[in-house]
Protein backbone atom coordinates (compact mmCIF):
# COMPACT_ATOMS: atom_id res chain seq x y z
CA UNK A 1 0.00 0.00 0.00
CA UNK A 2 2.84 2.39 0.88
CA UNK A 3 4.51 1.63 -2.45
CA UNK A 4 1.29 2.48 -4.31
CA UNK A 5 0.98 5.80 -2.47
CA UNK A 6 4.63 6.57 -3.20
CA UNK A 7 4.16 5.86 -6.92
CA UNK A 8 1.09 8.13 -7.00
CA UNK A 9 3.00 10.94 -5.29
CA UNK A 10 5.89 10.57 -7.73
CA UNK A 11 3.51 10.70 -10.68
CA UNK A 12 1.89 13.83 -9.27
CA UNK A 13 5.26 15.50 -8.82
CA UNK A 14 6.31 14.58 -12.36
CA UNK A 15 3.03 15.91 -13.73
CA UNK A 16 3.37 19.23 -11.88
CA UNK A 17 7.00 19.55 -12.95
CA UNK A 18 6.02 18.86 -16.56
CA UNK A 19 3.36 21.53 -16.32
CA UNK A 20 5.83 24.07 -14.99
CA UNK A 21 8.41 23.22 -17.63
CA UNK A 22 5.82 23.42 -20.38
CA UNK A 23 4.49 26.74 -19.14
CA UNK A 24 8.00 28.20 -19.33
CA UNK A 25 8.38 27.12 -22.96
CA UNK A 26 5.01 28.39 -24.13
CA UNK A 27 5.05 31.45 -26.34
CA UNK A 28 3.00 34.53 -25.42
CA UNK A 29 -0.52 34.80 -26.85
CA UNK A 30 -0.83 35.84 -30.46
CA UNK A 31 -3.33 38.63 -31.06
CA UNK A 32 -6.07 37.27 -33.30
CA UNK A 33 -8.14 40.37 -33.93
CA UNK A 34 -10.56 39.37 -31.17
CA UNK A 35 -10.90 39.90 -27.44
CA UNK A 36 -8.87 37.38 -25.47
CA UNK A 37 -8.58 36.69 -21.77
CA UNK A 38 -6.22 34.67 -19.60
CA UNK A 39 -7.76 31.45 -18.24
CA UNK A 40 -7.22 30.47 -14.61
CA UNK A 41 -3.82 29.16 -13.55
CA UNK A 42 -5.11 25.62 -13.05
CA UNK A 43 -6.71 25.58 -16.50
CA UNK A 44 -3.47 26.83 -18.05
CA UNK A 45 -1.41 24.23 -16.19
CA UNK A 46 -3.68 21.38 -17.25
CA UNK A 47 -3.63 22.63 -20.83
CA UNK A 48 0.18 22.74 -20.74
CA UNK A 49 0.33 19.17 -19.47
CA UNK A 50 -2.15 18.00 -22.09
CA UNK A 51 -0.24 19.75 -24.87
CA UNK A 52 2.98 17.93 -23.93
CA UNK A 53 1.41 14.69 -25.15
CA UNK A 54 0.49 15.93 -28.61
CA UNK A 55 1.88 17.90 -31.52
CA UNK A 56 0.48 20.64 -33.69
CA UNK A 57 0.15 18.25 -36.62
CA UNK A 58 -1.74 15.76 -34.47
CA UNK A 59 -4.05 18.47 -33.16
CA UNK A 60 -4.88 19.71 -36.65
CA UNK A 61 -5.68 16.15 -37.68
CA UNK A 62 -7.85 15.69 -34.57
CA UNK A 63 -9.59 18.95 -35.46
CA UNK A 64 -10.25 17.77 -39.02
CA UNK A 65 -11.65 14.47 -37.72
CA UNK A 66 -13.89 16.27 -35.24
CA UNK A 67 -15.22 18.55 -37.95
CA UNK A 68 -16.10 15.53 -40.09
CA UNK A 69 -18.59 14.52 -37.39
CA UNK A 70 -20.18 17.97 -37.04
CA UNK A 71 -23.78 18.39 -38.13
CA UNK A 72 -23.84 22.19 -38.14
CA UNK A 73 -21.81 25.26 -37.20
CA UNK A 74 -21.32 28.94 -37.88
CA UNK A 75 -18.17 30.75 -38.85
CA UNK A 76 -17.60 34.48 -39.00
CA UNK A 77 -14.76 36.03 -40.99
CA UNK A 78 -13.72 39.58 -40.26
CA UNK A 79 -11.58 41.15 -42.94
CA UNK A 80 -9.96 44.45 -42.03
CA UNK A 81 -9.93 46.75 -45.04
CA UNK A 82 -7.44 49.62 -45.25
CA UNK A 83 -8.80 52.15 -45.65
CA UNK A 84 -12.48 51.53 -45.02
CA UNK A 85 -14.84 49.64 -42.79
CA UNK A 86 -14.29 45.94 -41.98
CA UNK A 87 -15.96 43.32 -44.15
CA UNK A 88 -17.81 40.73 -42.05
CA UNK A 89 -19.04 37.46 -43.53
CA UNK A 90 -21.12 34.99 -41.50
CA UNK A 91 -21.70 31.51 -42.89
CA UNK A 92 -24.37 29.27 -41.38
CA UNK A 93 -23.75 25.61 -42.20
CA UNK A 94 -26.24 22.76 -41.96
CA UNK A 95 -24.75 19.49 -43.14
CA UNK A 96 -24.56 17.86 -45.53
CA UNK A 97 -25.32 20.46 -48.19
CA UNK A 98 -26.86 23.69 -46.92
CA UNK A 99 -25.21 27.01 -46.18
CA UNK A 100 -26.24 30.63 -45.89
CA UNK A 101 -23.99 33.67 -46.40
CA UNK A 102 -24.49 37.10 -44.91
CA UNK A 103 -21.86 39.73 -45.62
CA UNK A 104 -22.00 43.25 -44.26
CA UNK A 105 -19.82 46.24 -44.91
CA UNK A 106 -20.97 49.50 -43.40
CA UNK A 107 -24.74 49.71 -43.90
CA UNK A 108 -24.80 47.36 -46.88
CA UNK A 109 -25.67 43.66 -46.62
CA UNK A 110 -25.37 40.82 -49.11
CA UNK A 111 -27.16 37.47 -48.85
CA UNK A 112 -26.79 34.11 -50.58
CA UNK A 113 -27.89 30.52 -50.00
CA UNK A 114 -26.57 27.23 -51.33
CA UNK A 115 -28.67 24.06 -51.14
CA UNK A 116 -27.50 20.92 -52.88
CA UNK A 117 -27.06 21.85 -56.56
CA UNK A 118 -28.77 25.25 -56.35
CA UNK A 119 -27.25 28.63 -55.52
CA UNK A 120 -29.42 31.65 -54.65
CA UNK A 121 -28.23 35.26 -54.56
CA UNK A 122 -30.25 38.26 -53.38
CA UNK A 123 -30.25 41.22 -55.75
CA UNK A 124 -30.13 44.89 -54.79
CA UNK A 125 -33.90 45.23 -55.27
CA UNK A 126 -34.56 42.43 -52.77
CA UNK A 127 -35.44 39.75 -55.31
CA UNK A 128 -33.58 36.46 -55.57
CA UNK A 129 -32.04 34.69 -58.55
CA UNK A 130 -30.96 31.06 -58.72
CA UNK A 131 -28.51 29.07 -60.76
CA UNK A 132 -27.32 25.50 -61.06
CA UNK A 133 -24.11 24.63 -59.26
CA UNK A 134 -22.01 21.52 -58.85
CA UNK A 135 -24.07 18.87 -57.06
CA UNK A 136 -21.15 17.81 -54.85
CA UNK A 137 -17.72 18.92 -53.71
CA UNK A 138 -18.52 22.41 -52.47
CA UNK A 139 -20.10 21.83 -49.06
CA UNK A 140 -17.98 22.93 -46.05
CA UNK A 141 -19.00 19.74 -44.20
CA UNK A 142 -16.78 16.75 -43.59
CA UNK A 143 -13.21 17.47 -44.67
CA UNK A 144 -14.20 19.96 -47.38
CA UNK A 145 -13.47 23.68 -46.88
CA UNK A 146 -16.41 24.69 -49.08
CA UNK A 147 -16.50 27.49 -51.63
CA UNK A 148 -16.14 31.26 -51.08
CA UNK A 149 -19.11 33.60 -50.92
CA UNK A 150 -20.13 34.80 -54.41
CA UNK A 151 -18.62 38.24 -53.72
CA UNK A 152 -15.61 37.10 -51.66
CA UNK A 153 -12.57 39.35 -51.56
CA UNK A 154 -10.14 36.87 -49.97
CA UNK A 155 -11.92 33.52 -49.99
CA UNK A 156 -14.31 34.44 -47.16
CA UNK A 157 -16.74 31.57 -46.80
CA UNK A 158 -14.13 28.83 -47.06
CA UNK A 159 -13.13 27.07 -43.86
CA UNK A 160 -9.46 27.96 -43.26
CA UNK A 161 -9.09 25.40 -40.45
CA UNK A 162 -9.74 22.59 -42.93
CA UNK A 163 -7.33 24.09 -45.45
CA UNK A 164 -4.58 24.37 -42.84
CA UNK A 165 -5.19 20.81 -41.64
CA UNK A 166 -4.51 19.61 -45.17
CA UNK A 167 -1.28 21.62 -45.38
CA UNK A 168 0.44 20.22 -42.29
CA UNK A 169 3.06 18.40 -44.36
CA UNK A 170 4.15 21.78 -45.75
CA UNK A 171 4.02 23.62 -42.42
CA UNK A 172 6.26 24.35 -39.48
CA UNK A 173 4.07 24.33 -36.36
CA UNK A 174 4.90 25.66 -32.91
CA UNK A 175 2.76 25.72 -29.79
CA UNK A 176 1.54 29.05 -28.52
CA UNK A 177 -0.44 30.07 -25.45
CA UNK A 178 -3.61 28.68 -23.95
CA UNK A 179 -6.07 31.58 -24.11
CA UNK A 180 -9.66 32.45 -23.35
CA UNK A 181 -12.02 33.91 -25.95
CA UNK A 182 -15.70 34.76 -26.19
CA UNK A 183 -16.09 31.37 -27.90
CA UNK A 184 -14.30 29.44 -25.15
CA UNK A 185 -10.75 28.52 -24.14
CA UNK A 186 -8.39 27.23 -26.79
CA UNK A 187 -4.79 26.26 -27.46
CA UNK A 188 -2.95 28.38 -30.01
CA UNK A 189 -0.79 26.77 -32.68
CA UNK A 190 1.32 28.91 -35.03
CA UNK A 191 1.87 27.72 -38.56
CA UNK A 192 4.35 28.83 -41.18
CA UNK A 193 3.01 27.37 -44.41
CA UNK A 194 5.64 26.83 -47.07
CA UNK A 195 4.29 27.86 -50.46
CA UNK A 196 5.57 26.68 -53.88
CA UNK A 197 8.22 29.08 -55.12
CA UNK A 198 8.86 30.50 -51.64
CA UNK A 199 10.35 33.97 -51.47
CA UNK A 200 10.77 34.09 -55.25
CA UNK A 201 6.98 34.37 -55.48
CA UNK A 202 6.65 37.02 -52.79
CA UNK A 203 5.64 34.66 -50.01
CA UNK A 204 8.61 35.38 -47.77
CA UNK A 205 11.33 33.02 -46.63
CA UNK A 206 9.27 31.76 -43.69
CA UNK A 207 6.11 31.22 -45.72
CA UNK A 208 2.59 32.37 -44.92
CA UNK A 209 1.84 32.73 -41.20
CA UNK A 210 -1.38 31.59 -39.53
CA UNK A 211 -2.52 31.03 -35.96
CA UNK A 212 -5.18 28.45 -35.26
CA UNK A 213 -6.76 28.13 -31.82
CA UNK A 214 -8.25 24.71 -31.04
CA UNK A 215 -10.39 23.55 -28.13
CA UNK A 216 -8.15 20.79 -26.70
CA UNK A 217 -11.13 18.92 -25.26
CA UNK A 218 -13.46 18.69 -28.25
CA UNK A 219 -10.67 19.38 -30.79
CA UNK A 220 -12.93 21.74 -32.74
CA UNK A 221 -11.45 25.02 -34.03
CA UNK A 222 -12.30 28.24 -32.19
CA UNK A 223 -10.47 30.76 -34.37
CA UNK A 224 -8.03 31.09 -37.26
CA UNK A 225 -6.03 34.26 -37.82
CA UNK A 226 -3.99 35.13 -40.92
CA UNK A 227 -0.74 37.01 -40.40
CA UNK A 228 -1.13 39.76 -37.81
CA UNK A 229 -4.91 39.47 -37.66
CA UNK A 230 -5.92 41.20 -40.86
CA UNK A 231 -8.38 38.36 -41.47
CA UNK A 232 -9.84 36.35 -38.58
CA UNK A 233 -12.36 33.51 -38.73
CA UNK A 234 -14.17 32.44 -35.56
CA UNK A 235 -16.32 29.32 -35.11
CA UNK A 236 -19.35 28.81 -32.90
CA UNK A 237 -22.75 27.06 -32.51
CA UNK A 238 -21.24 23.65 -33.23
CA UNK A 239 -24.01 21.02 -33.65
CA UNK A 240 -26.79 23.46 -32.76
CA UNK A 241 -29.98 23.42 -34.87
CA UNK A 242 -29.63 25.68 -37.92
CA UNK A 243 -32.56 26.00 -40.32
CA UNK A 244 -31.67 26.96 -43.89
CA UNK A 245 -34.47 27.16 -46.46
CA UNK A 246 -34.48 28.10 -50.12
CA UNK A 247 -35.66 31.69 -50.70
CA UNK A 248 -38.67 32.37 -52.88
CA UNK A 249 -37.84 33.13 -56.48
CA UNK A 250 -40.06 35.70 -58.18
CA UNK A 251 -41.71 34.39 -61.33
CA UNK A 252 -41.24 36.81 -64.23
CA UNK A 253 -44.50 38.47 -65.28
CA UNK A 254 -45.56 38.34 -68.96
């Protein structure tokens, strides 16, 4: 019995020491264009211990696998325009093949819906038009990043977490800080994605830089930031009911 207690105490000491060592090696939080807070010390310590038993590549794969099982979610992309007001695109996703786009910039709003092989776009006069689209391959469900909004400036509407998960073999990944956000606590991972051509194509010697923040418990993404936060995508309402219906199309009058 004494030996068992001694082994437990040793394991506890090793665990605490690992947490302390990990916390010293963790990089400071990366600003992601969103409000962040510092979780409690115990939560940070446990996150540090948990992160010692995984890698960034493993976490991105876990995140991709978790997303494959999702039935619905929302993602909001905020694109900072210079000069001008930010461009905000919200995508509601209901798997397997329904999504709704809402983009706002200033007092203007744009709306679109995709359902199976139909795409609907609202016109300036409030009417809707429809067109045939590919029956498969575009949905942001499973391991597919989806397609951009019809008016996308920088691929808003695509799921960057899925894209990054598929680029792990071309990425250098380092662990960042465990942070709190309005969407929940998450572990930051910094990626330098090596692009074909490298610096000769204007990508820089270190590649393109991204920060992805992943919930270490459910492995679902919380936020993805590009560079210094010029474009940030946040995720929320995972597996909550999302109703997406086809809009009414006005029949032309003779």
